[in-house]
Amino acid sequence: MMSKSSFVRWAMIVAALILLSGCNDMEDRLWQGYVEGDFVYVSSPLGGQLQDVLVRKGDQTAAGHPLFVLERGFEQAGVSEAEENLDRAENDLADKRKGRRPSEIASIKARLKKAEAAEVLAETEYRRRVALYKSRTISEEERDRARTDYEQATHQVREIRSELQTASLGSRSDEVKAAESAVKAAQARLDQARWNYDQKAQAAPRNGLVFDVIRYKGEWVPAGSPVLSILPPENRKVRFYVPEQIVGGFRIGEELLLNYDGLEQPIALRLTYISPQAEFTPPVIYSSQSRAKLVFMLEAVPSLDNAALLKPGQPVDVSRSAENFKFENGLFARLLSMFRSSNG
C-alpha cells in the first residue's frame, strides 16, 4: 500500500506534468534569446608602443573624446622637417615673384645716370663735330667717329634702362610655376606628416561604453590591431529563436516586447531581421524539449532610451504580449510552491 508521502509526491508530479503541458503552447507565444552587441574596435593604422590609455573599462565615452596615444617621436620629427621644407619653398617662391634687392636696383640706377650723362656729352660732341665739318674745319672721319660715340652712348642708356626694368620684375613665368609646384609638394608632405602624427592618438569615433581594454601601457601595438572596443547604444540588439511553424507570421518593423529576470516592466523592441535559413536550436538556449527542433533566428532592437538596460550575453524572453510573461511567471511560481509544500 502507498504511503501518504509517496502519494503526495506522485500527485505533485502529475500536477507538474499537467502544468508543463502548457509550455508547448508557450513556444508559439514566448521565445527565448539573448542580447548581442556589435562592437566598434578602435585601432591606429600605424604601429607603435602604447604610451597611454586615457579611459578605463566600463567608462562612458563621447565621440571625439581621447582614448589612447602611441609613442610618436618619429612622426613629430617628420612634421618638423616638413614644416621647414615648406617654409624654404615658400621663401623661394616669394623671392622669384619679386624683383632684385633694393641695393641692386640702386646700383643699376646709378649706372643709368652715368650712361645718360655720357650720352648727353656724346651728343654735344657730335653736334659740334657736325658744325665743324660743315665749315670744313675737320675731316669727315672725325665727324663719323663722333657720331659713332654718340650712338654707342645711346645704346648703353637703352641697355641699362632695360636691365632696370627687368630687375623690377620677378623671375620668368616658368621659374615661378616651378616654385609654386615645389610649395604644393612641400605642403602635401607636411599634410602627410601631420596625418601620421595624428593617427598615433585616437579618439572615440562614436558615443558608447568602453566595453573592453585589449592592450595596456607599454605594449607594442601592430598597425591596425585594436586597443579597445566600444559598444554604442544603438549597436545593442536581441537575437531570439522561433519555431519554423510560426516564423511566417513575423514582419520586419513590427513591435515586440522583451523581458528578463528583475525587469519591472517589459520594454519595446522593433523587429529588424528574419534569417532566411533554418537551424537547430543553438546551445545557448538548449532545453530538453527544444534542442532538436528547427528554428529561425530573428533580430530586434530596443529604443535608444532602453538600450542601456541590455547587456551582451544576457538571456531574455521575447513576446508579442505582456500577458505571456505573466503566465510564464505564474506557471513556474505554482510549480515551485507545490514542490516546496510537498517537501514540507
Protein backbone atom coordinates (compact mmCIF):
# COMPACT_ATOMS: atom_id res chain seq x y z
CA MET A 1 0.00 0.00 0.00
CA MET A 2 1.36 3.51 -0.98
CA SER A 3 2.33 5.73 1.92
CA LYS A 4 0.87 9.20 2.31
CA SER A 5 4.15 10.94 1.49
CA SER A 6 4.61 8.84 -1.65
CA PHE A 7 1.08 9.63 -2.71
CA VAL A 8 1.68 13.38 -2.28
CA ARG A 9 4.88 13.24 -4.32
CA TRP A 10 3.17 11.39 -7.15
CA ALA A 11 0.29 13.87 -7.06
CA MET A 12 2.74 16.73 -7.34
CA ILE A 13 4.46 15.11 -10.30
CA VAL A 14 1.16 14.63 -12.11
CA ALA A 15 0.19 18.23 -11.42
CA ALA A 16 3.54 19.41 -12.68
CA LEU A 17 3.15 17.44 -15.87
CA ILE A 18 -0.27 18.96 -16.39
CA LEU A 19 1.10 22.46 -15.89
CA LEU A 20 4.12 21.82 -18.08
CA SER A 21 1.89 20.65 -20.87
CA GLY A 22 1.00 24.29 -21.32
CA CYS A 23 4.65 25.01 -22.17
CA ASN A 24 4.17 23.67 -25.68
CA ASP A 25 1.63 26.41 -26.31
CA MET A 26 4.02 28.96 -24.87
CA GLU A 27 6.57 28.18 -27.59
CA ASP A 28 4.20 29.88 -30.00
CA ARG A 29 3.85 32.95 -27.75
CA LEU A 30 7.13 33.33 -25.85
CA TRP A 31 10.58 32.97 -27.40
CA GLN A 32 13.98 32.71 -25.79
CA GLY A 33 17.01 34.69 -26.90
CA TYR A 34 19.97 36.72 -25.74
CA VAL A 35 21.45 40.19 -26.08
CA GLU A 36 24.12 40.73 -28.73
CA GLY A 37 26.42 43.73 -29.27
CA ASP A 38 28.14 44.95 -32.44
CA PHE A 39 31.40 46.32 -31.05
CA VAL A 40 33.45 49.14 -32.54
CA TYR A 41 37.13 48.17 -32.32
CA VAL A 42 39.39 51.24 -32.19
CA SER A 43 42.91 50.93 -33.60
CA SER A 44 45.62 53.00 -35.26
CA PRO A 45 46.66 52.49 -38.89
CA LEU A 46 50.25 52.88 -37.69
CA GLY A 47 52.06 50.63 -35.23
CA GLY A 48 53.91 51.73 -32.13
CA GLN A 49 54.40 51.35 -28.41
CA LEU A 50 51.30 52.17 -26.38
CA GLN A 51 52.20 55.29 -24.42
CA ASP A 52 48.94 55.86 -22.55
CA VAL A 53 45.34 54.65 -22.32
CA LEU A 54 43.09 57.55 -21.38
CA VAL A 55 39.92 55.62 -20.49
CA ARG A 56 39.04 52.63 -18.35
CA LYS A 57 36.89 49.60 -18.97
CA GLY A 58 33.29 50.45 -18.17
CA ASP A 59 33.61 54.19 -18.85
CA GLN A 60 31.02 56.00 -20.91
CA THR A 61 32.76 58.00 -23.63
CA ALA A 62 31.57 60.61 -26.11
CA ALA A 63 32.52 60.92 -29.76
CA GLY A 64 35.79 62.81 -30.07
CA HIS A 65 37.00 62.02 -26.55
CA PRO A 66 40.69 60.93 -26.49
CA LEU A 67 41.14 57.18 -26.00
CA PHE A 68 44.82 56.29 -26.30
CA VAL A 69 48.18 57.57 -27.51
CA LEU A 70 51.02 55.67 -29.18
CA GLU A 71 54.63 56.81 -28.98
CA ARG A 72 55.10 59.32 -31.84
CA GLY A 73 58.52 60.94 -31.55
CA PHE A 74 59.45 59.83 -35.08
CA GLU A 75 56.25 61.33 -36.50
CA GLN A 76 56.89 64.60 -34.64
CA ALA A 77 60.35 64.84 -36.22
CA GLY A 78 58.76 64.24 -39.62
CA VAL A 79 56.33 67.11 -39.04
CA SER A 80 59.15 69.47 -38.05
CA GLU A 81 61.18 68.58 -41.13
CA ALA A 82 58.18 69.01 -43.42
CA GLU A 83 57.40 72.42 -41.89
CA GLU A 84 60.96 73.59 -42.54
CA ASN A 85 60.86 72.35 -46.13
CA LEU A 86 57.59 74.17 -46.73
CA ASP A 87 58.98 77.38 -45.24
CA ARG A 88 62.01 77.13 -47.53
CA ALA A 89 59.86 76.53 -50.62
CA GLU A 90 57.57 79.47 -49.79
CA ASN A 91 60.56 81.78 -49.34
CA ASP A 92 61.98 80.69 -52.68
CA LEU A 93 58.64 81.37 -54.39
CA ALA A 94 58.40 84.81 -52.80
CA ASP A 95 61.93 85.60 -53.95
CA LYS A 96 61.09 84.63 -57.53
CA ARG A 97 57.90 86.66 -57.56
CA LYS A 98 59.58 89.92 -56.57
CA GLY A 99 62.42 91.88 -58.26
CA ARG A 100 66.00 92.23 -57.19
CA ARG A 101 67.09 93.61 -53.85
CA PRO A 102 66.88 97.42 -53.34
CA SER A 103 70.66 97.75 -53.23
CA GLU A 104 70.98 96.01 -56.61
CA ILE A 105 68.35 98.27 -58.17
CA ALA A 106 70.11 101.35 -56.71
CA SER A 107 73.35 100.23 -58.35
CA ILE A 108 71.62 99.88 -61.73
CA LYS A 109 70.06 103.33 -61.40
CA ALA A 110 73.48 104.82 -60.67
CA ARG A 111 74.90 103.20 -63.80
CA LEU A 112 71.96 104.55 -65.77
CA LYS A 113 72.62 108.11 -64.62
CA LYS A 114 76.26 107.78 -65.59
CA ALA A 115 75.30 106.41 -69.01
CA GLU A 116 72.76 109.21 -69.55
CA ALA A 117 75.41 111.80 -68.72
CA ALA A 118 77.80 110.15 -71.16
CA GLU A 119 75.05 110.19 -73.79
CA VAL A 120 74.47 113.92 -73.33
CA LEU A 121 78.19 114.57 -73.64
CA ALA A 122 78.48 112.36 -76.73
CA GLU A 123 75.52 114.15 -78.32
CA THR A 124 77.02 117.57 -77.68
CA GLU A 125 80.36 116.48 -79.09
CA TYR A 126 78.71 115.03 -82.17
CA ARG A 127 76.78 118.24 -82.92
CA ARG A 128 79.96 120.26 -82.53
CA ARG A 129 81.78 117.95 -84.96
CA VAL A 130 78.94 118.27 -87.45
CA ALA A 131 79.25 122.08 -87.36
CA LEU A 132 83.00 121.93 -87.75
CA TYR A 133 82.67 119.53 -90.65
CA LYS A 134 80.33 121.93 -92.44
CA SER A 135 82.92 124.66 -92.14
CA ARG A 136 85.50 122.18 -93.43
CA THR A 137 87.49 122.52 -90.22
CA ILE A 138 87.63 118.79 -89.53
CA SER A 139 87.64 115.78 -91.71
CA GLU A 140 84.69 113.51 -92.41
CA GLU A 141 86.42 110.76 -90.46
CA GLU A 142 86.36 112.79 -87.23
CA ARG A 143 82.72 113.61 -87.73
CA ASP A 144 81.86 109.90 -88.20
CA ARG A 145 83.85 108.92 -85.12
CA ALA A 146 81.84 111.42 -83.02
CA ARG A 147 78.58 110.05 -84.42
CA THR A 148 79.65 106.51 -83.55
CA ASP A 149 80.46 107.51 -79.97
CA TYR A 150 77.06 109.18 -79.66
CA GLU A 151 75.22 106.10 -80.95
CA GLN A 152 77.15 103.81 -78.57
CA ALA A 153 76.25 106.05 -75.63
CA THR A 154 72.58 105.96 -76.67
CA HIS A 155 72.58 102.15 -76.89
CA GLN A 156 74.27 101.95 -73.50
CA VAL A 157 71.48 104.01 -71.95
CA ARG A 158 68.78 101.82 -73.54
CA GLU A 159 70.51 98.65 -72.32
CA ILE A 160 70.74 99.83 -68.73
CA ARG A 161 67.11 101.02 -68.78
CA SER A 162 66.01 97.55 -69.94
CA GLU A 163 68.12 95.97 -67.21
CA LEU A 164 66.47 98.20 -64.61
CA GLN A 165 63.01 97.32 -65.89
CA THR A 166 63.83 93.60 -65.75
CA ALA A 167 65.27 93.91 -62.24
CA SER A 168 62.00 95.44 -61.06
CA LEU A 169 60.08 92.36 -62.26
CA GLY A 170 60.05 88.84 -60.80
CA SER A 171 61.59 85.75 -62.30
CA ARG A 172 60.39 84.23 -65.52
CA SER A 173 56.95 82.63 -65.52
CA ASP A 174 58.30 79.09 -65.85
CA GLU A 175 60.56 79.59 -62.82
CA VAL A 176 57.63 80.94 -60.79
CA LYS A 177 55.46 77.97 -61.77
CA ALA A 178 58.21 75.56 -60.77
CA ALA A 179 58.48 77.31 -57.40
CA GLU A 180 54.69 77.14 -56.95
CA SER A 181 54.76 73.40 -57.65
CA ALA A 182 57.53 72.98 -55.08
CA VAL A 183 55.38 74.74 -52.49
CA LYS A 184 52.41 72.46 -53.23
CA ALA A 185 54.61 69.36 -52.94
CA ALA A 186 56.05 70.59 -49.64
CA GLN A 187 52.53 71.28 -48.34
CA ALA A 188 51.41 67.77 -49.32
CA ARG A 189 54.38 66.24 -47.48
CA LEU A 190 53.54 68.33 -44.42
CA ASP A 191 49.89 67.20 -44.54
CA GLN A 192 51.02 63.58 -44.73
CA ALA A 193 53.44 64.02 -41.83
CA ARG A 194 50.72 65.63 -39.70
CA TRP A 195 48.29 62.84 -40.59
CA ASN A 196 50.84 60.23 -39.46
CA TYR A 197 51.34 62.16 -36.23
CA ASP A 198 47.59 62.48 -35.58
CA GLN A 199 46.94 58.78 -36.22
CA LYS A 200 49.13 57.86 -33.25
CA ALA A 201 46.44 59.39 -30.97
CA GLN A 202 42.93 58.02 -31.42
CA ALA A 203 39.64 59.48 -30.19
CA ALA A 204 36.26 57.82 -29.79
CA PRO A 205 34.50 57.57 -33.18
CA ARG A 206 31.07 57.32 -31.51
CA ASN A 207 29.32 57.65 -28.17
CA GLY A 208 29.23 54.45 -26.17
CA LEU A 209 30.50 52.21 -23.42
CA VAL A 210 34.19 51.29 -23.23
CA PHE A 211 33.43 47.58 -23.26
CA ASP A 212 36.96 46.21 -23.08
CA VAL A 213 40.60 47.37 -23.00
CA ILE A 214 42.63 44.92 -25.08
CA ARG A 215 46.11 46.47 -24.88
CA TYR A 216 47.89 48.07 -21.98
CA LYS A 217 50.50 50.80 -21.49
CA GLY A 218 53.95 49.75 -22.65
CA GLU A 219 52.78 47.09 -25.12
CA TRP A 220 53.82 47.17 -28.76
CA VAL A 221 50.67 47.55 -30.86
CA PRO A 222 50.90 46.38 -34.51
CA ALA A 223 49.29 48.56 -37.17
CA GLY A 224 45.54 48.01 -37.30
CA SER A 225 45.45 45.97 -34.08
CA PRO A 226 42.58 47.03 -31.74
CA VAL A 227 43.49 48.69 -28.48
CA LEU A 228 39.98 48.80 -27.05
CA SER A 229 36.37 48.19 -28.01
CA ILE A 230 33.36 50.49 -27.70
CA LEU A 231 29.73 49.44 -27.60
CA PRO A 232 27.44 52.25 -28.87
CA PRO A 233 23.88 52.08 -27.50
CA GLU A 234 22.43 51.75 -31.00
CA ASN A 235 24.59 48.66 -31.60
CA ARG A 236 22.80 46.56 -28.96
CA LYS A 237 20.27 44.10 -30.29
CA VAL A 238 18.36 40.99 -29.30
CA ARG A 239 18.60 37.65 -31.08
CA PHE A 240 15.79 35.21 -30.41
CA TYR A 241 14.57 31.98 -31.99
CA VAL A 242 11.07 30.99 -33.08
CA PRO A 243 9.78 27.63 -34.36
CA GLU A 244 9.65 27.18 -38.10
CA GLN A 245 5.87 26.74 -37.96
CA ILE A 246 5.25 30.35 -36.91
CA VAL A 247 8.15 32.32 -38.49
CA GLY A 248 5.96 33.24 -41.46
CA GLY A 249 3.80 35.37 -39.19
CA PHE A 250 6.56 37.86 -38.43
CA ARG A 251 7.11 41.08 -40.36
CA ILE A 252 10.07 43.45 -40.39
CA GLY A 253 9.28 46.56 -38.36
CA GLU A 254 6.63 45.03 -36.11
CA GLU A 255 6.65 45.83 -32.39
CA LEU A 256 7.58 43.18 -29.84
CA LEU A 257 8.17 43.09 -26.10
CA LEU A 258 11.21 41.93 -24.12
CA ASN A 259 11.52 40.74 -20.55
CA TYR A 260 14.27 39.30 -18.34
CA ASP A 261 14.74 38.47 -14.67
CA GLY A 262 14.49 41.54 -12.48
CA LEU A 263 12.89 43.81 -15.10
CA GLU A 264 9.86 45.60 -13.67
CA GLN A 265 8.10 46.28 -16.97
CA PRO A 266 8.71 44.74 -20.44
CA ILE A 267 10.42 47.04 -22.91
CA ALA A 268 9.51 47.52 -26.56
CA LEU A 269 11.53 46.09 -29.44
CA ARG A 270 11.37 46.60 -33.20
CA LEU A 271 11.96 43.59 -35.43
CA THR A 272 14.80 44.31 -37.88
CA TYR A 273 15.86 40.95 -39.33
CA ILE A 274 14.49 37.49 -40.08
CA SER A 275 17.02 34.84 -41.01
CA PRO A 276 16.26 33.15 -44.33
CA GLN A 277 17.81 29.87 -43.13
CA ALA A 278 16.55 27.41 -40.54
CA GLU A 279 18.86 25.99 -37.88
CA PHE A 280 18.68 23.71 -34.89
CA THR A 281 18.19 25.34 -31.51
CA PRO A 282 21.53 26.99 -30.55
CA PRO A 283 23.30 25.57 -27.47
CA VAL A 284 22.87 28.86 -25.64
CA ILE A 285 19.12 28.23 -25.30
CA TYR A 286 19.07 24.41 -25.22
CA SER A 287 16.29 22.72 -23.33
CA SER A 288 15.20 19.10 -23.24
CA GLN A 289 12.07 19.98 -25.20
CA SER A 290 13.58 22.19 -27.94
CA ARG A 291 17.13 21.04 -28.55
CA ALA A 292 16.26 19.02 -31.67
CA LYS A 293 13.76 21.47 -33.18
CA LEU A 294 14.30 23.60 -36.24
CA VAL A 295 14.08 27.32 -35.52
CA PHE A 296 14.70 30.62 -37.26
CA MET A 297 16.84 33.38 -35.80
CA LEU A 298 15.29 36.85 -35.60
CA GLU A 299 16.83 40.16 -34.52
CA ALA A 300 15.16 43.12 -32.86
CA VAL A 301 16.43 46.41 -31.44
CA PRO A 302 15.24 48.49 -28.49
CA SER A 303 14.87 52.25 -28.46
CA LEU A 304 17.96 54.27 -27.57
CA ASP A 305 16.38 55.14 -24.22
CA ASN A 306 16.17 51.45 -23.26
CA ALA A 307 19.35 50.21 -24.95
CA ALA A 308 21.45 50.72 -21.81
CA LEU A 309 19.25 48.16 -19.98
CA LEU A 310 20.55 45.38 -22.24
CA LYS A 311 23.90 43.72 -21.64
CA PRO A 312 25.61 41.45 -24.20
CA GLY A 313 25.14 37.78 -23.42
CA GLN A 314 22.13 38.40 -21.20
CA PRO A 315 19.31 35.79 -21.63
CA VAL A 316 15.93 37.32 -22.43
CA ASP A 317 12.39 36.38 -23.38
CA VAL A 318 10.53 37.96 -26.30
CA SER A 319 6.79 38.01 -26.91
CA ARG A 320 4.03 39.96 -28.56
CA SER A 321 2.02 40.40 -25.36
CA ALA A 322 2.92 41.23 -21.76
CA GLU A 323 0.33 38.69 -20.59
CA ASN A 324 2.57 35.86 -21.81
CA PHE A 325 5.28 36.94 -19.38
CA LYS A 326 2.74 36.93 -16.53
CA PHE A 327 1.55 33.47 -17.48
CA GLU A 328 5.08 32.08 -17.57
CA ASN A 329 5.97 33.61 -14.23
CA GLY A 330 2.75 32.33 -12.67
CA LEU A 331 3.30 28.84 -14.07
CA PHE A 332 6.72 28.36 -12.56
CA ALA A 333 5.70 30.08 -9.34
CA ARG A 334 2.94 27.48 -8.89
CA LEU A 335 5.30 24.62 -9.60
CA LEU A 336 7.81 25.94 -7.09
CA SER A 337 5.12 26.41 -4.47
CA MET A 338 3.81 22.86 -4.96
CA PHE A 339 7.24 21.27 -4.59
CA ARG A 340 8.00 23.35 -1.53
CA SER A 341 4.71 22.25 0.02
CA SER A 342 5.43 18.58 -0.71
CA ASN A 343 8.91 18.87 0.88
CA GLY A 344 7.38 20.48 3.92
